[in-house]
Amino acid sequence: MPISHARVATDAAPRYAKQLASHFGRKIPVEEAPDGGHRLTFQETIVALQPADDHLLIQVSAPDVPALAAIQDVVASHLERFGRRNELKVTWEASRHD
């Protein structure tokens, strides 16, 4: 199962995590974690949003590389659009590929 992550620099990580969860929650299952994080379920692909003081950590795990790439594009484009004023940029790194 391929996994990737992005560490997006921002001082408003909780707000962006909540905005993404709220936006996608209209169409897919979203779970809120007690620590302020969120888990988004796109069929077999899972997106974890973990806000920190100076960044938003996004981790994607998918059943295959095409599914991983598709969700990376969707999540990145939405976050970059939401954070346009703050010039947010999402850069993905491979974490693991089983």
N, C-alpha and C. Protein backbone atom coordinates (compact mmCIF):
# COMPACT_ATOMS: atom_id res chain seq x y z
N MET A 1 0.86 -1.18 0.00
CA MET A 1 0.00 0.00 0.00
C MET A 1 0.90 1.23 0.00
N PRO A 2 0.82 2.06 -1.04
CA PRO A 2 1.63 3.27 -1.08
C PRO A 2 1.12 4.33 -0.09
N ILE A 3 2.07 5.00 0.53
CA ILE A 3 1.76 6.05 1.50
C ILE A 3 2.64 7.26 1.18
N SER A 4 2.05 8.44 1.26
CA SER A 4 2.83 9.66 1.08
C SER A 4 2.41 10.68 2.14
N HIS A 5 3.23 11.71 2.28
CA HIS A 5 2.89 12.76 3.23
C HIS A 5 3.37 14.12 2.70
N ALA A 6 2.77 15.14 3.27
CA ALA A 6 3.17 16.52 2.97
C ALA A 6 3.13 17.30 4.27
N ARG A 7 4.13 18.11 4.49
CA ARG A 7 4.19 18.99 5.66
C ARG A 7 4.03 20.41 5.13
N VAL A 8 2.84 20.99 5.29
CA VAL A 8 2.52 22.29 4.72
C VAL A 8 2.73 23.36 5.79
N ALA A 9 3.65 24.25 5.55
CA ALA A 9 3.96 25.32 6.50
C ALA A 9 2.80 26.31 6.59
N THR A 10 2.27 26.48 7.81
CA THR A 10 1.20 27.44 8.07
C THR A 10 1.03 27.60 9.57
N ASP A 11 0.67 28.79 10.00
CA ASP A 11 0.37 29.00 11.41
C ASP A 11 -1.13 28.86 11.67
N ALA A 12 -1.88 28.46 10.65
CA ALA A 12 -3.33 28.27 10.78
C ALA A 12 -3.73 26.83 10.47
N ALA A 13 -2.89 25.87 10.84
CA ALA A 13 -3.14 24.46 10.51
C ALA A 13 -4.48 23.95 11.02
N PRO A 14 -4.90 24.25 12.26
CA PRO A 14 -6.21 23.75 12.71
C PRO A 14 -7.36 24.26 11.84
N ARG A 15 -7.29 25.50 11.44
CA ARG A 15 -8.34 26.07 10.60
C ARG A 15 -8.39 25.38 9.24
N TYR A 16 -7.23 25.17 8.62
CA TYR A 16 -7.22 24.52 7.31
C TYR A 16 -7.65 23.05 7.40
N ALA A 17 -7.25 22.35 8.45
CA ALA A 17 -7.68 20.96 8.63
C ALA A 17 -9.20 20.89 8.77
N LYS A 18 -9.74 21.78 9.56
CA LYS A 18 -11.19 21.81 9.75
C LYS A 18 -11.91 22.18 8.46
N GLN A 19 -11.36 23.12 7.71
CA GLN A 19 -11.98 23.54 6.45
C GLN A 19 -11.98 22.40 5.43
N LEU A 20 -10.87 21.68 5.32
CA LEU A 20 -10.82 20.53 4.41
C LEU A 20 -11.80 19.45 4.84
N ALA A 21 -11.82 19.15 6.14
CA ALA A 21 -12.73 18.11 6.65
C ALA A 21 -14.18 18.49 6.41
N SER A 22 -14.51 19.73 6.65
CA SER A 22 -15.88 20.19 6.44
C SER A 22 -16.26 20.13 4.96
N HIS A 23 -15.36 20.56 4.11
CA HIS A 23 -15.62 20.57 2.68
C HIS A 23 -15.84 19.14 2.15
N PHE A 24 -14.90 18.24 2.45
CA PHE A 24 -15.01 16.88 1.95
C PHE A 24 -16.09 16.09 2.67
N GLY A 25 -16.41 16.49 3.90
CA GLY A 25 -17.40 15.78 4.70
C GLY A 25 -18.80 15.81 4.11
N ARG A 26 -19.02 16.65 3.15
CA ARG A 26 -20.32 16.69 2.48
C ARG A 26 -20.51 15.49 1.55
N LYS A 27 -19.37 14.85 1.16
CA LYS A 27 -19.44 13.77 0.19
C LYS A 27 -18.85 12.45 0.66
N ILE A 28 -17.95 12.50 1.65
CA ILE A 28 -17.28 11.28 2.11
C ILE A 28 -17.30 11.23 3.64
N PRO A 29 -17.05 10.05 4.23
CA PRO A 29 -16.97 9.95 5.68
C PRO A 29 -15.75 10.70 6.23
N VAL A 30 -15.98 11.45 7.30
CA VAL A 30 -14.91 12.19 7.97
C VAL A 30 -15.04 11.94 9.46
N GLU A 31 -13.91 11.62 10.09
CA GLU A 31 -13.88 11.43 11.54
C GLU A 31 -12.98 12.50 12.15
N GLU A 32 -13.42 13.05 13.27
CA GLU A 32 -12.61 14.03 13.98
C GLU A 32 -11.91 13.34 15.14
N ALA A 33 -10.62 13.59 15.29
CA ALA A 33 -9.83 13.01 16.38
C ALA A 33 -9.84 13.98 17.56
N PRO A 34 -9.69 13.45 18.77
CA PRO A 34 -9.68 14.31 19.96
C PRO A 34 -8.55 15.35 19.96
N ASP A 35 -7.47 15.06 19.23
CA ASP A 35 -6.33 15.98 19.21
C ASP A 35 -6.45 17.07 18.15
N GLY A 36 -7.62 17.16 17.48
CA GLY A 36 -7.84 18.19 16.48
C GLY A 36 -7.58 17.73 15.06
N GLY A 37 -7.13 16.50 14.90
CA GLY A 37 -6.89 15.96 13.57
C GLY A 37 -8.18 15.44 12.95
N HIS A 38 -8.10 15.05 11.70
CA HIS A 38 -9.24 14.52 10.98
C HIS A 38 -8.79 13.35 10.11
N ARG A 39 -9.72 12.44 9.88
CA ARG A 39 -9.48 11.29 8.99
C ARG A 39 -10.57 11.31 7.93
N LEU A 40 -10.15 11.41 6.67
CA LEU A 40 -11.05 11.44 5.53
C LEU A 40 -10.96 10.10 4.81
N THR A 41 -12.09 9.51 4.47
CA THR A 41 -12.09 8.21 3.80
C THR A 41 -12.68 8.35 2.40
N PHE A 42 -11.80 8.26 1.40
CA PHE A 42 -12.19 8.28 -0.01
C PHE A 42 -12.17 6.82 -0.48
N GLN A 43 -13.27 6.13 -0.39
CA GLN A 43 -13.35 4.70 -0.71
C GLN A 43 -12.26 3.95 0.04
N GLU A 44 -11.23 3.45 -0.63
CA GLU A 44 -10.16 2.70 0.02
C GLU A 44 -8.95 3.56 0.37
N THR A 45 -9.02 4.84 0.10
CA THR A 45 -7.91 5.75 0.35
C THR A 45 -8.20 6.58 1.59
N ILE A 46 -7.22 6.65 2.49
CA ILE A 46 -7.37 7.37 3.75
C ILE A 46 -6.46 8.59 3.76
N VAL A 47 -7.02 9.72 4.17
CA VAL A 47 -6.24 10.95 4.32
C VAL A 47 -6.31 11.35 5.79
N ALA A 48 -5.15 11.48 6.42
CA ALA A 48 -5.07 11.94 7.80
C ALA A 48 -4.54 13.36 7.81
N LEU A 49 -5.26 14.24 8.49
CA LEU A 49 -4.87 15.64 8.65
C LEU A 49 -4.48 15.87 10.10
N GLN A 50 -3.24 16.26 10.33
CA GLN A 50 -2.77 16.47 11.70
C GLN A 50 -2.20 17.88 11.84
N PRO A 51 -2.95 18.79 12.44
CA PRO A 51 -2.44 20.16 12.60
C PRO A 51 -1.40 20.26 13.72
N ALA A 52 -0.41 21.10 13.50
CA ALA A 52 0.61 21.41 14.50
C ALA A 52 0.71 22.94 14.56
N ASP A 53 1.58 23.43 15.43
CA ASP A 53 1.72 24.88 15.60
C ASP A 53 2.17 25.60 14.33
N ASP A 54 3.08 24.98 13.59
CA ASP A 54 3.66 25.68 12.44
C ASP A 54 3.47 24.96 11.11
N HIS A 55 2.66 23.89 11.10
CA HIS A 55 2.43 23.17 9.85
C HIS A 55 1.19 22.27 9.96
N LEU A 56 0.72 21.85 8.79
CA LEU A 56 -0.34 20.85 8.70
C LEU A 56 0.29 19.63 8.06
N LEU A 57 0.27 18.51 8.78
CA LEU A 57 0.80 17.26 8.25
C LEU A 57 -0.36 16.51 7.60
N ILE A 58 -0.17 16.13 6.35
CA ILE A 58 -1.17 15.38 5.60
C ILE A 58 -0.54 14.05 5.22
N GLN A 59 -1.22 12.95 5.55
CA GLN A 59 -0.73 11.63 5.15
C GLN A 59 -1.82 10.93 4.34
N VAL A 60 -1.43 10.35 3.23
CA VAL A 60 -2.37 9.65 2.36
C VAL A 60 -1.90 8.20 2.22
N SER A 61 -2.81 7.26 2.45
CA SER A 61 -2.52 5.85 2.18
C SER A 61 -3.59 5.34 1.23
N ALA A 62 -3.14 4.67 0.17
CA ALA A 62 -4.05 4.25 -0.90
C ALA A 62 -3.76 2.80 -1.29
N PRO A 63 -4.72 2.17 -1.96
CA PRO A 63 -4.51 0.78 -2.37
C PRO A 63 -3.50 0.62 -3.51
N ASP A 64 -3.30 1.69 -4.29
CA ASP A 64 -2.35 1.62 -5.40
C ASP A 64 -1.86 3.02 -5.75
N VAL A 65 -0.85 3.09 -6.58
CA VAL A 65 -0.23 4.37 -6.94
C VAL A 65 -1.20 5.31 -7.68
N PRO A 66 -2.00 4.83 -8.63
CA PRO A 66 -2.93 5.75 -9.29
C PRO A 66 -3.94 6.38 -8.31
N ALA A 67 -4.45 5.59 -7.37
CA ALA A 67 -5.38 6.14 -6.37
C ALA A 67 -4.68 7.15 -5.49
N LEU A 68 -3.44 6.87 -5.10
CA LEU A 68 -2.65 7.79 -4.29
C LEU A 68 -2.47 9.12 -5.02
N ALA A 69 -2.06 9.05 -6.27
CA ALA A 69 -1.83 10.27 -7.05
C ALA A 69 -3.11 11.08 -7.22
N ALA A 70 -4.22 10.40 -7.45
CA ALA A 70 -5.49 11.11 -7.65
C ALA A 70 -5.90 11.86 -6.39
N ILE A 71 -5.80 11.22 -5.23
CA ILE A 71 -6.21 11.90 -3.98
C ILE A 71 -5.21 12.98 -3.61
N GLN A 72 -3.93 12.75 -3.87
CA GLN A 72 -2.95 13.81 -3.63
C GLN A 72 -3.33 15.07 -4.40
N ASP A 73 -3.69 14.90 -5.66
CA ASP A 73 -4.06 16.04 -6.50
C ASP A 73 -5.30 16.75 -5.96
N VAL A 74 -6.30 15.97 -5.56
CA VAL A 74 -7.55 16.55 -5.06
C VAL A 74 -7.30 17.33 -3.77
N VAL A 75 -6.62 16.71 -2.82
CA VAL A 75 -6.38 17.36 -1.52
C VAL A 75 -5.50 18.59 -1.70
N ALA A 76 -4.42 18.46 -2.47
CA ALA A 76 -3.51 19.59 -2.67
C ALA A 76 -4.21 20.76 -3.35
N SER A 77 -4.98 20.48 -4.38
CA SER A 77 -5.62 21.58 -5.10
C SER A 77 -6.62 22.31 -4.21
N HIS A 78 -7.35 21.58 -3.38
CA HIS A 78 -8.30 22.23 -2.47
C HIS A 78 -7.57 23.05 -1.41
N LEU A 79 -6.55 22.47 -0.78
CA LEU A 79 -5.84 23.20 0.26
C LEU A 79 -5.15 24.44 -0.31
N GLU A 80 -4.53 24.31 -1.46
CA GLU A 80 -3.86 25.47 -2.06
C GLU A 80 -4.86 26.55 -2.44
N ARG A 81 -6.04 26.15 -2.86
CA ARG A 81 -7.09 27.14 -3.18
C ARG A 81 -7.57 27.82 -1.89
N PHE A 82 -7.82 27.02 -0.84
CA PHE A 82 -8.26 27.60 0.43
C PHE A 82 -7.20 28.54 1.01
N GLY A 83 -5.93 28.20 0.81
CA GLY A 83 -4.84 28.99 1.39
C GLY A 83 -4.13 29.88 0.39
N ARG A 84 -4.83 30.26 -0.65
CA ARG A 84 -4.22 31.09 -1.70
C ARG A 84 -3.62 32.37 -1.14
N ARG A 85 -4.36 33.04 -0.25
CA ARG A 85 -3.88 34.31 0.31
C ARG A 85 -2.57 34.13 1.06
N ASN A 86 -2.43 32.98 1.71
CA ASN A 86 -1.21 32.70 2.48
C ASN A 86 -0.18 31.93 1.67
N GLU A 87 -0.45 31.78 0.38
CA GLU A 87 0.47 31.12 -0.55
C GLU A 87 0.87 29.72 -0.08
N LEU A 88 -0.12 28.93 0.37
CA LEU A 88 0.17 27.57 0.79
C LEU A 88 0.61 26.74 -0.42
N LYS A 89 1.57 25.87 -0.18
CA LYS A 89 2.08 24.99 -1.23
C LYS A 89 2.21 23.58 -0.65
N VAL A 90 1.63 22.62 -1.34
CA VAL A 90 1.68 21.23 -0.91
C VAL A 90 2.71 20.49 -1.76
N THR A 91 3.70 19.90 -1.09
CA THR A 91 4.73 19.10 -1.77
C THR A 91 4.72 17.72 -1.14
N TRP A 92 4.41 16.72 -1.94
CA TRP A 92 4.28 15.34 -1.46
C TRP A 92 5.63 14.63 -1.45
N GLU A 93 5.80 13.76 -0.44
CA GLU A 93 6.97 12.89 -0.35
C GLU A 93 6.47 11.47 -0.12
N ALA A 94 7.12 10.51 -0.75
CA ALA A 94 6.75 9.12 -0.55
C ALA A 94 7.19 8.69 0.86
N SER A 95 6.30 8.01 1.56
CA SER A 95 6.62 7.51 2.88
C SER A 95 6.98 6.02 2.83
N ARG A 96 6.17 5.29 2.08
CA ARG A 96 6.36 3.84 2.03
C ARG A 96 5.59 3.29 0.84
N HIS A 97 6.06 2.19 0.34
CA HIS A 97 5.32 1.50 -0.72
C HIS A 97 5.49 -0.01 -0.49
N ASP A 98 4.42 -0.63 -0.01
CA ASP A 98 4.48 -2.08 0.25
C ASP A 98 4.13 -2.87 -0.98
